[in-house]
Amino acid sequence: MSLRAQAYPISIRLAHHTDRMDALREDAAGRSPQGLRTALELVDDTRARLALNVAYDLALEALAFRLERVVRTAVR
Protein backbone atom coordinates (compact mmCIF):
# COMPACT_ATOMS: atom_id res chain seq x y z
CA MET A 1 0.00 0.00 0.00
CA SER A 2 2.82 2.43 0.71
CA LEU A 3 4.17 2.51 -2.85
CA ARG A 4 0.62 2.84 -4.12
CA ALA A 5 0.14 5.78 -1.76
CA GLN A 6 3.09 7.46 -3.42
CA ALA A 7 1.94 6.67 -6.96
CA TYR A 8 -1.61 7.88 -6.47
CA PRO A 9 -2.59 11.23 -4.95
CA ILE A 10 -4.15 9.90 -1.76
CA SER A 11 -3.89 10.88 1.84
CA ILE A 12 -0.61 10.12 3.59
CA ARG A 13 -2.68 8.58 6.40
CA LEU A 14 -3.48 5.64 4.12
CA ALA A 15 0.18 4.71 3.69
CA HIS A 16 2.08 2.19 5.77
CA HIS A 17 5.68 2.75 6.85
CA THR A 18 5.34 6.54 7.02
CA ASP A 19 8.75 6.67 8.68
CA ARG A 20 10.20 5.69 5.27
CA MET A 21 8.30 8.20 3.11
CA ASP A 22 11.42 9.61 1.44
CA ALA A 23 12.55 6.14 0.38
CA LEU A 24 9.02 5.26 -0.76
CA ARG A 25 8.79 8.40 -2.88
CA GLU A 26 12.13 7.53 -4.45
CA ASP A 27 10.97 3.96 -5.16
CA ALA A 28 7.72 5.20 -6.75
CA ALA A 29 9.32 7.99 -8.79
CA GLY A 30 9.06 7.37 -12.51
CA ARG A 31 6.91 4.26 -12.07
CA SER A 32 3.42 3.98 -13.47
CA PRO A 33 0.65 3.64 -10.89
CA GLN A 34 -0.78 0.69 -12.83
CA GLY A 35 2.57 -1.11 -12.78
CA LEU A 36 2.89 -0.60 -9.03
CA ARG A 37 -0.65 -1.85 -8.54
CA THR A 38 0.18 -4.97 -10.57
CA ALA A 39 3.29 -5.57 -8.46
CA LEU A 40 1.27 -5.27 -5.24
CA GLU A 41 -1.33 -7.68 -6.62
CA LEU A 42 1.46 -10.20 -7.30
CA VAL A 43 2.60 -9.91 -3.68
CA ASP A 44 -0.97 -10.35 -2.40
CA ASP A 45 -1.46 -13.37 -4.66
CA THR A 46 1.73 -14.95 -3.33
CA ARG A 47 0.64 -14.35 0.26
CA ALA A 48 -2.65 -16.12 -0.47
CA ARG A 49 -0.82 -19.05 -2.08
CA LEU A 50 1.42 -19.40 0.96
CA ALA A 51 -1.69 -19.85 3.08
CA LEU A 52 -2.48 -22.88 0.91
CA ASN A 53 0.83 -24.55 1.81
CA VAL A 54 2.64 -23.77 -1.41
CA ALA A 55 6.40 -24.36 -1.11
CA TYR A 56 7.65 -21.15 0.48
CA ASP A 57 10.99 -20.91 -1.33
CA LEU A 58 9.49 -21.69 -4.74
CA ALA A 59 6.65 -19.21 -4.26
CA LEU A 60 9.06 -16.41 -3.33
CA GLU A 61 11.39 -17.23 -6.21
CA ALA A 62 8.48 -17.12 -8.64
CA LEU A 63 7.34 -13.82 -7.10
CA ALA A 64 10.81 -12.33 -7.56
CA PHE A 65 10.83 -13.20 -11.27
CA ARG A 66 7.30 -11.88 -11.79
CA LEU A 67 8.04 -8.66 -9.88
CA GLU A 68 11.24 -8.08 -11.83
CA ARG A 69 9.33 -8.26 -15.10
CA VAL A 70 6.48 -6.02 -13.90
CA VAL A 71 8.67 -3.38 -12.23
CA ARG A 72 11.00 -3.22 -15.23
CA THR A 73 8.05 -2.40 -17.49
CA ALA A 74 6.29 -0.10 -14.99
CA VAL A 75 8.25 2.98 -16.04
CA ARG A 76 6.08 5.95 -16.99
C-alpha atoms as a PDB file:
ATOM      1  CA  MET A   1       0.000   0.000   0.000  1.00  0.00           C
ATOM      2  CA  SER A   2       2.819   2.426   0.714  1.00  0.00           C
ATOM      3  CA  LEU A   3       4.165   2.510  -2.848  1.00  0.00           C
ATOM      4  CA  ARG A   4       0.622   2.840  -4.120  1.00  0.00           C
ATOM      5  CA  ALA A   5       0.135   5.780  -1.760  1.00  0.00           C
ATOM      6  CA  GLN A   6       3.095   7.465  -3.422  1.00  0.00           C
ATOM      7  CA  ALA A   7       1.941   6.667  -6.958  1.00  0.00           C
ATOM      8  CA  TYR A   8      -1.608   7.878  -6.472  1.00  0.00           C
ATOM      9  CA  PRO A   9      -2.589  11.231  -4.955  1.00  0.00           C
ATOM     10  CA  ILE A  10      -4.146   9.901  -1.755  1.00  0.00           C
ATOM     11  CA  SER A  11      -3.889  10.882   1.843  1.00  0.00           C
ATOM     12  CA  ILE A  12      -0.612  10.120   3.591  1.00  0.00           C
ATOM     13  CA  ARG A  13      -2.677   8.577   6.401  1.00  0.00           C
ATOM     14  CA  LEU A  14      -3.476   5.638   4.120  1.00  0.00           C
ATOM     15  CA  ALA A  15       0.180   4.715   3.694  1.00  0.00           C
ATOM     16  CA  HIS A  16       2.081   2.193   5.768  1.00  0.00           C
ATOM     17  CA  HIS A  17       5.685   2.754   6.850  1.00  0.00           C
ATOM     18  CA  THR A  18       5.343   6.536   7.024  1.00  0.00           C
ATOM     19  CA  ASP A  19       8.748   6.669   8.681  1.00  0.00           C
ATOM     20  CA  ARG A  20      10.199   5.691   5.267  1.00  0.00           C
ATOM     21  CA  MET A  21       8.300   8.204   3.108  1.00  0.00           C
ATOM     22  CA  ASP A  22      11.416   9.612   1.440  1.00  0.00           C
ATOM     23  CA  ALA A  23      12.549   6.138   0.380  1.00  0.00           C
ATOM     24  CA  LEU A  24       9.021   5.259  -0.763  1.00  0.00           C
ATOM     25  CA  ARG A  25       8.790   8.401  -2.876  1.00  0.00           C
ATOM     26  CA  GLU A  26      12.132   7.527  -4.455  1.00  0.00           C
ATOM     27  CA  ASP A  27      10.966   3.961  -5.162  1.00  0.00           C
ATOM     28  CA  ALA A  28       7.717   5.199  -6.746  1.00  0.00           C
ATOM     29  CA  ALA A  29       9.318   7.990  -8.791  1.00  0.00           C
ATOM     30  CA  GLY A  30       9.065   7.369 -12.505  1.00  0.00           C
ATOM     31  CA  ARG A  31       6.910   4.256 -12.073  1.00  0.00           C
ATOM     32  CA  SER A  32       3.419   3.983 -13.471  1.00  0.00           C
ATOM     33  CA  PRO A  33       0.651   3.643 -10.892  1.00  0.00           C
ATOM     34  CA  GLN A  34      -0.780   0.689 -12.834  1.00  0.00           C
ATOM     35  CA  GLY A  35       2.574  -1.105 -12.777  1.00  0.00           C
ATOM     36  CA  LEU A  36       2.887  -0.597  -9.033  1.00  0.00           C
ATOM     37  CA  ARG A  37      -0.653  -1.855  -8.543  1.00  0.00           C
ATOM     38  CA  THR A  38       0.178  -4.972 -10.572  1.00  0.00           C
ATOM     39  CA  ALA A  39       3.292  -5.570  -8.460  1.00  0.00           C
ATOM     40  CA  LEU A  40       1.269  -5.273  -5.244  1.00  0.00           C
ATOM     41  CA  GLU A  41      -1.330  -7.679  -6.616  1.00  0.00           C
ATOM     42  CA  LEU A  42       1.456 -10.200  -7.298  1.00  0.00           C
ATOM     43  CA  VAL A  43       2.599  -9.906  -3.679  1.00  0.00           C
ATOM     44  CA  ASP A  44      -0.974 -10.348  -2.404  1.00  0.00           C
ATOM     45  CA  ASP A  45      -1.458 -13.374  -4.660  1.00  0.00           C
ATOM     46  CA  THR A  46       1.734 -14.952  -3.335  1.00  0.00           C
ATOM     47  CA  ARG A  47       0.642 -14.353   0.263  1.00  0.00           C
ATOM     48  CA  ALA A  48      -2.648 -16.116  -0.473  1.00  0.00           C
ATOM     49  CA  ARG A  49      -0.820 -19.047  -2.076  1.00  0.00           C
ATOM     50  CA  LEU A  50       1.425 -19.402   0.962  1.00  0.00           C
ATOM     51  CA  ALA A  51      -1.688 -19.848   3.085  1.00  0.00           C
ATOM     52  CA  LEU A  52      -2.483 -22.878   0.913  1.00  0.00           C
ATOM     53  CA  ASN A  53       0.826 -24.549   1.811  1.00  0.00           C
ATOM     54  CA  VAL A  54       2.645 -23.771  -1.407  1.00  0.00           C
ATOM     55  CA  ALA A  55       6.397 -24.357  -1.113  1.00  0.00           C
ATOM     56  CA  TYR A  56       7.652 -21.152   0.481  1.00  0.00           C
ATOM     57  CA  ASP A  57      10.992 -20.906  -1.327  1.00  0.00           C
ATOM     58  CA  LEU A  58       9.489 -21.691  -4.738  1.00  0.00           C
ATOM     59  CA  ALA A  59       6.650 -19.207  -4.256  1.00  0.00           C
ATOM     60  CA  LEU A  60       9.065 -16.415  -3.332  1.00  0.00           C
ATOM     61  CA  GLU A  61      11.391 -17.231  -6.208  1.00  0.00           C
ATOM     62  CA  ALA A  62       8.475 -17.119  -8.642  1.00  0.00           C
ATOM     63  CA  LEU A  63       7.341 -13.825  -7.099  1.00  0.00           C
ATOM     64  CA  ALA A  64      10.814 -12.334  -7.561  1.00  0.00           C
ATOM     65  CA  PHE A  65      10.831 -13.203 -11.272  1.00  0.00           C
ATOM     66  CA  ARG A  66       7.301 -11.878 -11.794  1.00  0.00           C
ATOM     67  CA  LEU A  67       8.041  -8.664  -9.885  1.00  0.00           C
ATOM     68  CA  GLU A  68      11.235  -8.078 -11.826  1.00  0.00           C
ATOM     69  CA  ARG A  69       9.328  -8.256 -15.100  1.00  0.00           C
ATOM     70  CA  VAL A  70       6.484  -6.015 -13.897  1.00  0.00           C
ATOM     71  CA  VAL A  71       8.672  -3.383 -12.234  1.00  0.00           C
ATOM     72  CA  ARG A  72      11.002  -3.220 -15.231  1.00  0.00           C
ATOM     73  CA  THR A  73       8.049  -2.399 -17.492  1.00  0.00           C
ATOM     74  CA  ALA A  74       6.287  -0.103 -14.992  1.00  0.00           C
ATOM     75  CA  VAL A  75       8.249   2.977 -16.035  1.00  0.00           C
ATOM     76  CA  ARG A  76       6.078   5.952 -16.987  1.00  0.00           C
END
